[in-house]
Amino acid sequence: MKEFILEDREFIELYKILKIAGWASSGGEAKAVIAEGQVLVNGVTETQKRKKIIAGDSVAFKNEIISVHAK
């Protein structure tokens, strides 16, 4: 499981975390896999590309998970 630290912000948009994690090579690719229902947030399929991911959330894609924490 990877960790993502929210530094100096309260949230990050879902598609951006996919790019940062290297799960998508571009914002367009990230938005496409989200729209296709391939991404889970807290164990539930999420299709909102700009969903606000906050501390305590987990994001899963292709059997990989990122745990989001506050600094």
PDB file of N, CA and C in Angstrom:
ATOM      1  N   MET A   1       0.848  -1.183   0.000  1.00  0.00           N
ATOM      2  CA  MET A   1       0.000   0.000   0.000  1.00  0.00           C
ATOM      3  C   MET A   1       0.892   1.244   0.000  1.00  0.00           C
ATOM      4  N   LYS A   2       0.583   2.146  -0.898  1.00  0.00           N
ATOM      5  CA  LYS A   2       1.298   3.420  -0.967  1.00  0.00           C
ATOM      6  C   LYS A   2       0.613   4.429  -0.054  1.00  0.00           C
ATOM      7  N   GLU A   3       1.342   5.459   0.315  1.00  0.00           N
ATOM      8  CA  GLU A   3       0.765   6.547   1.103  1.00  0.00           C
ATOM      9  C   GLU A   3       0.905   7.848   0.335  1.00  0.00           C
ATOM     10  N   PHE A   4      -0.081   8.711   0.491  1.00  0.00           N
ATOM     11  CA  PHE A   4      -0.037  10.046  -0.099  1.00  0.00           C
ATOM     12  C   PHE A   4      -0.297  11.032   1.023  1.00  0.00           C
ATOM     13  N   ILE A   5       0.602  12.003   1.175  1.00  0.00           N
ATOM     14  CA  ILE A   5       0.474  13.010   2.228  1.00  0.00           C
ATOM     15  C   ILE A   5      -0.067  14.297   1.623  1.00  0.00           C
ATOM     16  N   LEU A   6      -1.161  14.792   2.181  1.00  0.00           N
ATOM     17  CA  LEU A   6      -1.724  16.074   1.759  1.00  0.00           C
ATOM     18  C   LEU A   6      -0.907  17.183   2.416  1.00  0.00           C
ATOM     19  N   GLU A   7      -0.032  17.788   1.662  1.00  0.00           N
ATOM     20  CA  GLU A   7       0.807  18.858   2.209  1.00  0.00           C
ATOM     21  C   GLU A   7       0.202  20.207   1.853  1.00  0.00           C
ATOM     22  N   ASP A   8      -0.058  21.005   2.860  1.00  0.00           N
ATOM     23  CA  ASP A   8      -0.563  22.368   2.674  1.00  0.00           C
ATOM     24  C   ASP A   8      -1.869  22.444   1.901  1.00  0.00           C
ATOM     25  N   ARG A   9      -2.688  21.413   1.983  1.00  0.00           N
ATOM     26  CA  ARG A   9      -4.006  21.444   1.346  1.00  0.00           C
ATOM     27  C   ARG A   9      -4.937  20.484   2.068  1.00  0.00           C
ATOM     28  N   GLU A  10      -6.225  20.717   1.900  1.00  0.00           N
ATOM     29  CA  GLU A  10      -7.223  19.895   2.580  1.00  0.00           C
ATOM     30  C   GLU A  10      -7.642  18.691   1.756  1.00  0.00           C
ATOM     31  N   PHE A  11      -7.481  18.774   0.421  1.00  0.00           N
ATOM     32  CA  PHE A  11      -7.918  17.687  -0.451  1.00  0.00           C
ATOM     33  C   PHE A  11      -7.113  17.691  -1.741  1.00  0.00           C
ATOM     34  N   ILE A  12      -7.266  16.610  -2.498  1.00  0.00           N
ATOM     35  CA  ILE A  12      -6.730  16.520  -3.856  1.00  0.00           C
ATOM     36  C   ILE A  12      -7.817  15.890  -4.713  1.00  0.00           C
ATOM     37  N   GLU A  13      -7.919  16.326  -5.955  1.00  0.00           N
ATOM     38  CA  GLU A  13      -8.927  15.752  -6.841  1.00  0.00           C
ATOM     39  C   GLU A  13      -8.487  14.357  -7.267  1.00  0.00           C
ATOM     40  N   LEU A  14      -9.466  13.474  -7.420  1.00  0.00           N
ATOM     41  CA  LEU A  14      -9.201  12.066  -7.701  1.00  0.00           C
ATOM     42  C   LEU A  14      -8.311  11.868  -8.920  1.00  0.00           C
ATOM     43  N   TYR A  15      -8.608  12.517 -10.030  1.00  0.00           N
ATOM     44  CA  TYR A  15      -7.811  12.275 -11.236  1.00  0.00           C
ATOM     45  C   TYR A  15      -6.345  12.667 -11.033  1.00  0.00           C
ATOM     46  N   LYS A  16      -6.100  13.669 -10.188  1.00  0.00           N
ATOM     47  CA  LYS A  16      -4.724  14.115  -9.943  1.00  0.00           C
ATOM     48  C   LYS A  16      -3.932  13.073  -9.156  1.00  0.00           C
ATOM     49  N   ILE A  17      -4.582  12.405  -8.227  1.00  0.00           N
ATOM     50  CA  ILE A  17      -3.865  11.406  -7.435  1.00  0.00           C
ATOM     51  C   ILE A  17      -3.480  10.212  -8.308  1.00  0.00           C
ATOM     52  N   LEU A  18      -4.295   9.891  -9.310  1.00  0.00           N
ATOM     53  CA  LEU A  18      -3.941   8.817 -10.242  1.00  0.00           C
ATOM     54  C   LEU A  18      -2.697   9.183 -11.041  1.00  0.00           C
ATOM     55  N   LYS A  19      -2.595  10.441 -11.449  1.00  0.00           N
ATOM     56  CA  LYS A  19      -1.411  10.898 -12.182  1.00  0.00           C
ATOM     57  C   LYS A  19      -0.178  10.874 -11.286  1.00  0.00           C
ATOM     58  N   ILE A  20      -0.303  11.403 -10.079  1.00  0.00           N
ATOM     59  CA  ILE A  20       0.833  11.456  -9.152  1.00  0.00           C
ATOM     60  C   ILE A  20       1.329  10.057  -8.817  1.00  0.00           C
ATOM     61  N   ALA A  21       0.412   9.111  -8.666  1.00  0.00           N
ATOM     62  CA  ALA A  21       0.775   7.734  -8.318  1.00  0.00           C
ATOM     63  C   ALA A  21       1.406   6.991  -9.497  1.00  0.00           C
ATOM     64  N   GLY A  22       1.286   7.567 -10.704  1.00  0.00           N
ATOM     65  CA  GLY A  22       1.820   6.889 -11.881  1.00  0.00           C
ATOM     66  C   GLY A  22       0.865   5.862 -12.459  1.00  0.00           C
ATOM     67  N   TRP A  23      -0.368   5.891 -11.982  1.00  0.00           N
ATOM     68  CA  TRP A  23      -1.373   4.949 -12.482  1.00  0.00           C
ATOM     69  C   TRP A  23      -1.948   5.394 -13.825  1.00  0.00           C
ATOM     70  N   ALA A  24      -1.751   6.654 -14.173  1.00  0.00           N
ATOM     71  CA  ALA A  24      -2.200   7.202 -15.452  1.00  0.00           C
ATOM     72  C   ALA A  24      -1.101   8.137 -15.953  1.00  0.00           C
ATOM     73  N   SER A  25      -0.872   8.120 -17.254  1.00  0.00           N
ATOM     74  CA  SER A  25       0.204   8.941 -17.813  1.00  0.00           C
ATOM     75  C   SER A  25      -0.222  10.375 -18.088  1.00  0.00           C
ATOM     76  N   SER A  26      -1.539  10.615 -18.063  1.00  0.00           N
ATOM     77  CA  SER A  26      -2.049  11.963 -18.316  1.00  0.00           C
ATOM     78  C   SER A  26      -3.360  12.166 -17.579  1.00  0.00           C
ATOM     79  N   GLY A  27      -3.771  13.434 -17.493  1.00  0.00           N
ATOM     80  CA  GLY A  27      -5.059  13.724 -16.874  1.00  0.00           C
ATOM     81  C   GLY A  27      -6.207  13.110 -17.655  1.00  0.00           C
ATOM     82  N   GLY A  28      -6.076  13.116 -18.976  1.00  0.00           N
ATOM     83  CA  GLY A  28      -7.119  12.521 -19.818  1.00  0.00           C
ATOM     84  C   GLY A  28      -7.269  11.032 -19.588  1.00  0.00           C
ATOM     85  N   GLU A  29      -6.142  10.349 -19.465  1.00  0.00           N
ATOM     86  CA  GLU A  29      -6.176   8.910 -19.199  1.00  0.00           C
ATOM     87  C   GLU A  29      -6.783   8.646 -17.821  1.00  0.00           C
ATOM     88  N   ALA A  30      -6.388   9.446 -16.829  1.00  0.00           N
ATOM     89  CA  ALA A  30      -6.930   9.287 -15.479  1.00  0.00           C
ATOM     90  C   ALA A  30      -8.445   9.475 -15.485  1.00  0.00           C
ATOM     91  N   LYS A  31      -8.904  10.519 -16.162  1.00  0.00           N
ATOM     92  CA  LYS A  31     -10.344  10.784 -16.222  1.00  0.00           C
ATOM     93  C   LYS A  31     -11.092   9.651 -16.924  1.00  0.00           C
ATOM     94  N   ALA A  32     -10.474   9.057 -17.942  1.00  0.00           N
ATOM     95  CA  ALA A  32     -11.117   7.957 -18.671  1.00  0.00           C
ATOM     96  C   ALA A  32     -11.290   6.722 -17.796  1.00  0.00           C
ATOM     97  N   VAL A  33     -10.250   6.323 -17.054  1.00  0.00           N
ATOM     98  CA  VAL A  33     -10.384   5.118 -16.223  1.00  0.00           C
ATOM     99  C   VAL A  33     -11.360   5.346 -15.076  1.00  0.00           C
ATOM    100  N   ILE A  34     -11.432   6.585 -14.598  1.00  0.00           N
ATOM    101  CA  ILE A  34     -12.422   6.902 -13.557  1.00  0.00           C
ATOM    102  C   ILE A  34     -13.824   6.791 -14.137  1.00  0.00           C
ATOM    103  N   ALA A  35     -14.040   7.384 -15.307  1.00  0.00           N
ATOM    104  CA  ALA A  35     -15.362   7.342 -15.957  1.00  0.00           C
ATOM    105  C   ALA A  35     -15.797   5.915 -16.267  1.00  0.00           C
ATOM    106  N   GLU A  36     -14.833   5.044 -16.546  1.00  0.00           N
ATOM    107  CA  GLU A  36     -15.134   3.640 -16.849  1.00  0.00           C
ATOM    108  C   GLU A  36     -15.430   2.822 -15.594  1.00  0.00           C
ATOM    109  N   GLY A  37     -15.317   3.433 -14.420  1.00  0.00           N
ATOM    110  CA  GLY A  37     -15.630   2.734 -13.172  1.00  0.00           C
ATOM    111  C   GLY A  37     -14.528   1.819 -12.683  1.00  0.00           C
ATOM    112  N   GLN A  38     -13.286   2.106 -13.063  1.00  0.00           N
ATOM    113  CA  GLN A  38     -12.162   1.250 -12.665  1.00  0.00           C
ATOM    114  C   GLN A  38     -11.504   1.661 -11.356  1.00  0.00           C
ATOM    115  N   VAL A  39     -11.959   2.763 -10.767  1.00  0.00           N
ATOM    116  CA  VAL A  39     -11.321   3.294  -9.560  1.00  0.00           C
ATOM    117  C   VAL A  39     -12.291   3.210  -8.381  1.00  0.00           C
ATOM    118  N   LEU A  40     -11.755   2.786  -7.240  1.00  0.00           N
ATOM    119  CA  LEU A  40     -12.553   2.715  -6.015  1.00  0.00           C
ATOM    120  C   LEU A  40     -12.048   3.755  -5.019  1.00  0.00           C
ATOM    121  N   VAL A  41     -12.968   4.405  -4.343  1.00  0.00           N
ATOM    122  CA  VAL A  41     -12.637   5.307  -3.243  1.00  0.00           C
ATOM    123  C   VAL A  41     -13.339   4.754  -2.013  1.00  0.00           C
ATOM    124  N   ASN A  42     -12.554   4.416  -1.022  1.00  0.00           N
ATOM    125  CA  ASN A  42     -13.080   3.813   0.212  1.00  0.00           C
ATOM    126  C   ASN A  42     -13.908   2.565  -0.085  1.00  0.00           C
ATOM    127  N   GLY A  43     -13.453   1.793  -1.076  1.00  0.00           N
ATOM    128  CA  GLY A  43     -14.096   0.521  -1.408  1.00  0.00           C
ATOM    129  C   GLY A  43     -15.321   0.618  -2.299  1.00  0.00           C
ATOM    130  N   VAL A  44     -15.661   1.815  -2.753  1.00  0.00           N
ATOM    131  CA  VAL A  44     -16.854   2.021  -3.582  1.00  0.00           C
ATOM    132  C   VAL A  44     -16.428   2.598  -4.930  1.00  0.00           C
ATOM    133  N   THR A  45     -17.003   2.084  -6.019  1.00  0.00           N
ATOM    134  CA  THR A  45     -16.699   2.596  -7.352  1.00  0.00           C
ATOM    135  C   THR A  45     -17.021   4.080  -7.417  1.00  0.00           C
ATOM    136  N   GLU A  46     -16.066   4.854  -7.922  1.00  0.00           N
ATOM    137  CA  GLU A  46     -16.235   6.308  -8.017  1.00  0.00           C
ATOM    138  C   GLU A  46     -16.065   6.744  -9.469  1.00  0.00           C
ATOM    139  N   THR A  47     -17.042   7.514  -9.984  1.00  0.00           N
ATOM    140  CA  THR A  47     -16.969   7.990 -11.365  1.00  0.00           C
ATOM    141  C   THR A  47     -16.845   9.514 -11.454  1.00  0.00           C
ATOM    142  N   GLN A  48     -16.779  10.191 -10.328  1.00  0.00           N
ATOM    143  CA  GLN A  48     -16.576  11.645 -10.333  1.00  0.00           C
ATOM    144  C   GLN A  48     -15.085  11.931 -10.479  1.00  0.00           C
ATOM    145  N   LYS A  49     -14.708  12.483 -11.607  1.00  0.00           N
ATOM    146  CA  LYS A  49     -13.294  12.725 -11.892  1.00  0.00           C
ATOM    147  C   LYS A  49     -12.664  13.712 -10.909  1.00  0.00           C
ATOM    148  N   ARG A  50     -13.428  14.684 -10.481  1.00  0.00           N
ATOM    149  CA  ARG A  50     -12.903  15.725  -9.587  1.00  0.00           C
ATOM    150  C   ARG A  50     -13.323  15.504  -8.129  1.00  0.00           C
ATOM    151  N   LYS A  51     -13.660  14.270  -7.793  1.00  0.00           N
ATOM    152  CA  LYS A  51     -14.013  13.919  -6.422  1.00  0.00           C
ATOM    153  C   LYS A  51     -12.905  14.381  -5.485  1.00  0.00           C
ATOM    154  N   LYS A  52     -13.269  15.066  -4.416  1.00  0.00           N
ATOM    155  CA  LYS A  52     -12.288  15.554  -3.447  1.00  0.00           C
ATOM    156  C   LYS A  52     -11.855  14.401  -2.541  1.00  0.00           C
ATOM    157  N   ILE A  53     -10.595  14.089  -2.587  1.00  0.00           N
ATOM    158  CA  ILE A  53     -10.024  13.033  -1.757  1.00  0.00           C
ATOM    159  C   ILE A  53      -9.379  13.712  -0.555  1.00  0.00           C
ATOM    160  N   ILE A  54      -9.810  13.316   0.639  1.00  0.00           N
ATOM    161  CA  ILE A  54      -9.342  13.944   1.871  1.00  0.00           C
ATOM    162  C   ILE A  54      -8.587  12.933   2.733  1.00  0.00           C
ATOM    163  N   ALA A  55      -7.948  13.446   3.782  1.00  0.00           N
ATOM    164  CA  ALA A  55      -7.234  12.570   4.719  1.00  0.00           C
ATOM    165  C   ALA A  55      -8.179  11.499   5.258  1.00  0.00           C
ATOM    166  N   GLY A  56      -7.695  10.273   5.292  1.00  0.00           N
ATOM    167  CA  GLY A  56      -8.495   9.150   5.762  1.00  0.00           C
ATOM    168  C   GLY A  56      -9.099   8.337   4.627  1.00  0.00           C
ATOM    169  N   ASP A  57      -9.112   8.894   3.411  1.00  0.00           N
ATOM    170  CA  ASP A  57      -9.637   8.169   2.255  1.00  0.00           C
ATOM    171  C   ASP A  57      -8.599   7.183   1.729  1.00  0.00           C
ATOM    172  N   SER A  58      -9.086   6.177   1.010  1.00  0.00           N
ATOM    173  CA  SER A  58      -8.198   5.264   0.288  1.00  0.00           C
ATOM    174  C   SER A  58      -8.679   5.205  -1.153  1.00  0.00           C
ATOM    175  N   VAL A  59      -7.722   5.094  -2.063  1.00  0.00           N
ATOM    176  CA  VAL A  59      -8.015   5.031  -3.495  1.00  0.00           C
ATOM    177  C   VAL A  59      -7.398   3.743  -4.021  1.00  0.00           C
ATOM    178  N   ALA A  60      -8.188   2.960  -4.767  1.00  0.00           N
ATOM    179  CA  ALA A  60      -7.705   1.693  -5.303  1.00  0.00           C
ATOM    180  C   ALA A  60      -7.890   1.642  -6.812  1.00  0.00           C
ATOM    181  N   PHE A  61      -6.886   1.062  -7.487  1.00  0.00           N
ATOM    182  CA  PHE A  61      -6.908   0.894  -8.938  1.00  0.00           C
ATOM    183  C   PHE A  61      -6.030  -0.302  -9.276  1.00  0.00           C
ATOM    184  N   LYS A  62      -6.586  -1.253  -9.987  1.00  0.00           N
ATOM    185  CA  LYS A  62      -5.832  -2.448 -10.420  1.00  0.00           C
ATOM    186  C   LYS A  62      -5.070  -3.107  -9.270  1.00  0.00           C
ATOM    187  N   ASN A  63      -5.759  -3.406  -8.211  1.00  0.00           N
ATOM    188  CA  ASN A  63      -5.198  -4.117  -7.049  1.00  0.00           C
ATOM    189  C   ASN A  63      -4.097  -3.346  -6.319  1.00  0.00           C
ATOM    190  N   GLU A  64      -3.999  -2.050  -6.545  1.00  0.00           N
ATOM    191  CA  GLU A  64      -3.072  -1.208  -5.782  1.00  0.00           C
ATOM    192  C   GLU A  64      -3.900  -0.218  -4.986  1.00  0.00           C
ATOM    193  N   ILE A  65      -3.411   0.154  -3.817  1.00  0.00           N
ATOM    194  CA  ILE A  65      -4.162   1.062  -2.934  1.00  0.00           C
ATOM    195  C   ILE A  65      -3.248   2.184  -2.471  1.00  0.00           C
ATOM    196  N   ILE A  66      -3.836   3.380  -2.434  1.00  0.00           N
ATOM    197  CA  ILE A  66      -3.154   4.532  -1.856  1.00  0.00           C
ATOM    198  C   ILE A  66      -3.981   4.983  -0.648  1.00  0.00           C
ATOM    199  N   SER A  67      -3.304   5.144   0.471  1.00  0.00           N
ATOM    200  CA  SER A  67      -3.905   5.657   1.693  1.00  0.00           C
ATOM    201  C   SER A  67      -3.532   7.136   1.799  1.00  0.00           C
ATOM    202  N   VAL A  68      -4.521   7.997   2.005  1.00  0.00           N
ATOM    203  CA  VAL A  68      -4.300   9.445   2.036  1.00  0.00           C
ATOM    204  C   VAL A  68      -4.258   9.920   3.483  1.00  0.00           C
ATOM    205  N   HIS A  69      -3.230  10.714   3.790  1.00  0.00           N
ATOM    206  CA  HIS A  69      -3.031  11.219   5.154  1.00  0.00           C
ATOM    207  C   HIS A  69      -2.780  12.717   5.144  1.00  0.00           C
ATOM    208  N   ALA A  70      -3.098  13.360   6.250  1.00  0.00           N
ATOM    209  CA  ALA A  70      -2.773  14.774   6.428  1.00  0.00           C
ATOM    210  C   ALA A  70      -1.349  14.880   6.943  1.00  0.00           C
ATOM    211  N   LYS A  71      -0.737  16.006   6.729  1.00  0.00           N
ATOM    212  CA  LYS A  71       0.632  16.231   7.200  1.00  0.00           C
ATOM    213  C   LYS A  71       0.631  16.565   8.663  1.00  0.00           C
TER     214      LYS A  71
END
